[in-house]
């Protein structure tokens, strides 16, 4: 139980962050650590680094959908496709310098935004006319009555920068300690 406690606490913090973001979607929409967690998890630890992010996101998705009044259906595939693209891109940043990984993470946030908004535009019947004009609307303002999509993009970029920086700094700080500990164990 003692070894699992940090993981349990981390999962609870991530779920709480999603719920707080859902409750305050006008100001905190998309200010979440998940994009960074998916990207950095894959770039730094390979596919095993994506397991925690995936499990936590899947647990919290129904909760936040209910809070925000979104239906539960095939809409879940839109962010999953976006996260899959981030994870795919992260493969190109394995064993890269922290600066390159950080830059790749920001690029992944842009790709996630473009994919998820384009898919929403293509699949949402409220965008009745499928044209470059309504695609531009989906990418910049979104549908009337909701917070503008540029706000979600801004928050996603802020979150990606902050959380990727934290994950990269933590990994860099912990790695030398782990290597020393492992070396001492075999001495």
Protein backbone atom coordinates (compact mmCIF):
# COMPACT_ATOMS: atom_id res chain seq x y z
CA UNK A 1 0.00 0.00 0.00
CA UNK A 2 2.84 2.39 0.82
CA UNK A 3 4.27 2.13 -2.72
CA UNK A 4 0.81 2.69 -4.25
CA UNK A 5 0.00 5.75 -2.14
CA UNK A 6 1.84 8.31 -4.35
CA UNK A 7 0.11 6.93 -7.44
CA UNK A 8 -3.30 7.06 -5.73
CA UNK A 9 -2.68 10.64 -4.59
CA UNK A 10 -1.53 11.62 -8.09
CA UNK A 11 -4.67 10.09 -9.62
CA UNK A 12 -6.88 11.93 -7.13
CA UNK A 13 -5.12 15.22 -7.88
CA UNK A 14 -5.61 14.71 -11.63
CA UNK A 15 -9.28 13.82 -11.24
CA UNK A 16 -9.77 16.84 -8.95
CA UNK A 17 -8.11 19.09 -11.54
CA UNK A 18 -10.54 17.83 -14.20
CA UNK A 19 -13.54 18.35 -11.93
CA UNK A 20 -12.43 21.87 -10.93
CA UNK A 21 -11.91 22.69 -14.60
CA UNK A 22 -15.37 21.33 -15.47
CA UNK A 23 -17.02 23.34 -12.70
CA UNK A 24 -15.28 26.52 -13.89
CA UNK A 25 -15.17 25.91 -17.63
CA UNK A 26 -15.61 29.60 -18.49
CA UNK A 27 -12.34 30.57 -16.83
CA UNK A 28 -10.47 27.28 -16.39
CA UNK A 29 -11.60 25.38 -19.46
CA UNK A 30 -8.88 23.10 -20.76
CA UNK A 31 -6.40 24.21 -18.10
CA UNK A 32 -5.57 20.56 -17.47
CA UNK A 33 -2.38 18.49 -17.13
CA UNK A 34 -3.53 15.62 -19.35
CA UNK A 35 -2.01 16.75 -22.65
CA UNK A 36 1.38 17.11 -20.96
CA UNK A 37 0.95 13.86 -19.13
CA UNK A 38 0.18 11.95 -22.33
CA UNK A 39 2.99 13.59 -24.31
CA UNK A 40 5.68 13.57 -21.62
CA UNK A 41 4.63 10.13 -20.43
CA UNK A 42 5.29 8.69 -23.88
CA UNK A 43 8.38 10.79 -24.64
CA UNK A 44 10.04 10.02 -21.31
CA UNK A 45 8.82 6.54 -20.36
CA UNK A 46 7.38 4.94 -23.50
CA UNK A 47 4.00 3.27 -23.61
CA UNK A 48 4.05 2.48 -19.88
CA UNK A 49 4.16 6.24 -19.27
CA UNK A 50 0.74 6.62 -20.91
CA UNK A 51 -1.09 4.08 -18.73
CA UNK A 52 -1.66 6.38 -15.74
CA UNK A 53 -2.82 9.26 -17.93
CA UNK A 54 -5.20 7.01 -19.86
CA UNK A 55 -6.73 5.38 -16.79
CA UNK A 56 -7.21 8.67 -14.97
CA UNK A 57 -8.68 10.43 -17.98
CA UNK A 58 -11.10 7.56 -18.64
CA UNK A 59 -12.22 7.55 -14.98
CA UNK A 60 -12.76 11.31 -14.90
CA UNK A 61 -14.35 11.72 -18.35
CA UNK A 62 -17.87 10.59 -17.34
CA UNK A 63 -17.79 12.79 -14.22
CA UNK A 64 -16.81 15.93 -16.12
CA UNK A 65 -19.27 15.18 -18.93
CA UNK A 66 -22.12 15.00 -16.43
CA UNK A 67 -21.00 18.23 -14.72
CA UNK A 68 -20.84 20.07 -18.04
CA UNK A 69 -24.07 18.55 -19.36
CA UNK A 70 -22.44 16.79 -22.31
CA UNK A 71 -23.91 13.54 -23.58
CA UNK A 72 -22.01 10.30 -23.15
CA UNK A 73 -21.56 8.71 -26.52
CA UNK A 74 -19.19 8.53 -29.43
CA UNK A 75 -18.06 12.09 -28.63
CA UNK A 76 -15.50 10.44 -26.35
CA UNK A 77 -13.56 9.49 -29.50
CA UNK A 78 -12.75 13.11 -30.35
CA UNK A 79 -10.32 13.73 -27.44
CA UNK A 80 -9.08 10.14 -27.62
CA UNK A 81 -8.03 10.73 -31.24
CA UNK A 82 -6.37 13.99 -30.16
CA UNK A 83 -4.49 12.27 -27.33
CA UNK A 84 -3.47 9.45 -29.69
CA UNK A 85 -1.97 12.04 -32.04
CA UNK A 86 -0.05 13.57 -29.11
CA UNK A 87 1.28 10.17 -28.09
CA UNK A 88 2.24 9.42 -31.70
CA UNK A 89 4.13 12.69 -31.96
CA UNK A 90 5.85 12.02 -28.63
CA UNK A 91 7.49 8.96 -30.20
CA UNK A 92 9.68 11.35 -32.20
CA UNK A 93 10.91 13.01 -29.00
CA UNK A 94 12.11 9.94 -27.09
CA UNK A 95 15.63 10.49 -25.79
CA UNK A 96 15.53 14.14 -26.88
CA UNK A 97 16.87 17.02 -24.85
CA UNK A 98 14.46 18.60 -22.36
CA UNK A 99 14.19 21.72 -24.55
CA UNK A 100 13.27 19.68 -27.65
CA UNK A 101 10.79 17.62 -25.63
CA UNK A 102 9.25 20.82 -24.24
CA UNK A 103 8.96 22.29 -27.74
CA UNK A 104 7.45 19.04 -29.02
CA UNK A 105 4.93 19.16 -26.19
CA UNK A 106 3.79 22.63 -27.26
CA UNK A 107 3.50 21.42 -30.86
CA UNK A 108 1.43 18.48 -29.58
CA UNK A 109 -0.97 20.92 -27.88
CA UNK A 110 -1.46 22.77 -31.18
CA UNK A 111 -2.09 19.50 -33.01
CA UNK A 112 -4.54 18.34 -30.31
CA UNK A 113 -6.44 21.62 -30.59
CA UNK A 114 -6.62 21.49 -34.39
CA UNK A 115 -7.69 17.84 -34.48
CA UNK A 116 -10.33 18.06 -31.76
CA UNK A 117 -11.87 21.26 -33.06
CA UNK A 118 -11.87 20.06 -36.67
CA UNK A 119 -13.49 16.78 -35.60
CA UNK A 120 -16.07 18.65 -33.53
CA UNK A 121 -16.84 20.81 -36.56
CA UNK A 122 -17.14 17.76 -38.80
CA UNK A 123 -19.30 15.74 -36.40
CA UNK A 124 -21.42 18.35 -34.61
CA UNK A 125 -24.76 18.92 -36.36
CA UNK A 126 -24.86 22.47 -34.96
CA UNK A 127 -22.26 23.30 -37.61
CA UNK A 128 -24.94 22.70 -40.24
CA UNK A 129 -22.96 24.17 -43.11
CA UNK A 130 -19.58 22.55 -43.60
CA UNK A 131 -17.42 25.26 -45.12
CA UNK A 132 -14.10 26.97 -44.51
CA UNK A 133 -16.03 29.75 -42.79
CA UNK A 134 -17.64 27.43 -40.24
CA UNK A 135 -14.34 25.57 -39.80
CA UNK A 136 -12.74 28.92 -38.99
CA UNK A 137 -15.58 29.54 -36.56
CA UNK A 138 -14.94 26.15 -34.91
CA UNK A 139 -11.24 26.94 -34.59
CA UNK A 140 -11.61 30.49 -33.27
CA UNK A 141 -14.98 31.30 -31.69
CA UNK A 142 -16.84 28.00 -31.56
CA UNK A 143 -20.59 27.78 -31.24
CA UNK A 144 -22.63 30.68 -29.87
CA UNK A 145 -23.47 30.35 -26.19
CA UNK A 146 -20.17 28.73 -25.24
CA UNK A 147 -16.80 30.13 -24.23
CA UNK A 148 -14.78 30.96 -27.35
CA UNK A 149 -12.51 28.17 -28.53
CA UNK A 150 -9.51 30.49 -28.62
CA UNK A 151 -9.85 30.65 -24.82
CA UNK A 152 -9.57 26.86 -24.64
CA UNK A 153 -6.55 27.01 -26.94
CA UNK A 154 -4.88 29.67 -24.79
CA UNK A 155 -5.52 27.64 -21.63
CA UNK A 156 -4.29 24.46 -23.30
CA UNK A 157 -1.03 26.16 -24.28
CA UNK A 158 -0.57 27.58 -20.77
CA UNK A 159 -1.28 24.18 -19.20
CA UNK A 160 0.97 22.37 -21.68
CA UNK A 161 3.86 24.75 -20.98
CA UNK A 162 3.47 24.70 -17.19
CA UNK A 163 2.83 20.99 -16.72
CA UNK A 164 5.39 19.87 -19.30
CA UNK A 165 7.95 22.09 -17.59
CA UNK A 166 7.07 20.58 -14.22
CA UNK A 167 7.16 16.99 -15.54
CA UNK A 168 10.46 17.54 -17.32
CA UNK A 169 12.03 19.25 -14.30
CA UNK A 170 10.76 16.53 -11.95
CA UNK A 171 12.07 13.79 -14.22
CA UNK A 172 15.43 15.47 -14.47
CA UNK A 173 15.60 15.93 -10.70
CA UNK A 174 14.44 12.42 -9.85
CA UNK A 175 16.49 10.56 -12.48
CA UNK A 176 19.95 11.30 -11.01
CA UNK A 177 18.63 10.38 -7.55
CA UNK A 178 17.18 7.10 -8.86
CA UNK A 179 20.40 6.26 -10.68
CA UNK A 180 22.49 6.93 -7.52
CA UNK A 181 20.08 4.86 -5.41
CA UNK A 182 20.26 1.96 -7.89
CA UNK A 183 24.07 2.18 -8.03
CA UNK A 184 24.29 2.15 -4.21
CA UNK A 185 22.00 -0.87 -4.03
CA UNK A 186 24.45 -2.88 -6.13
CA UNK A 187 27.58 -1.66 -4.27
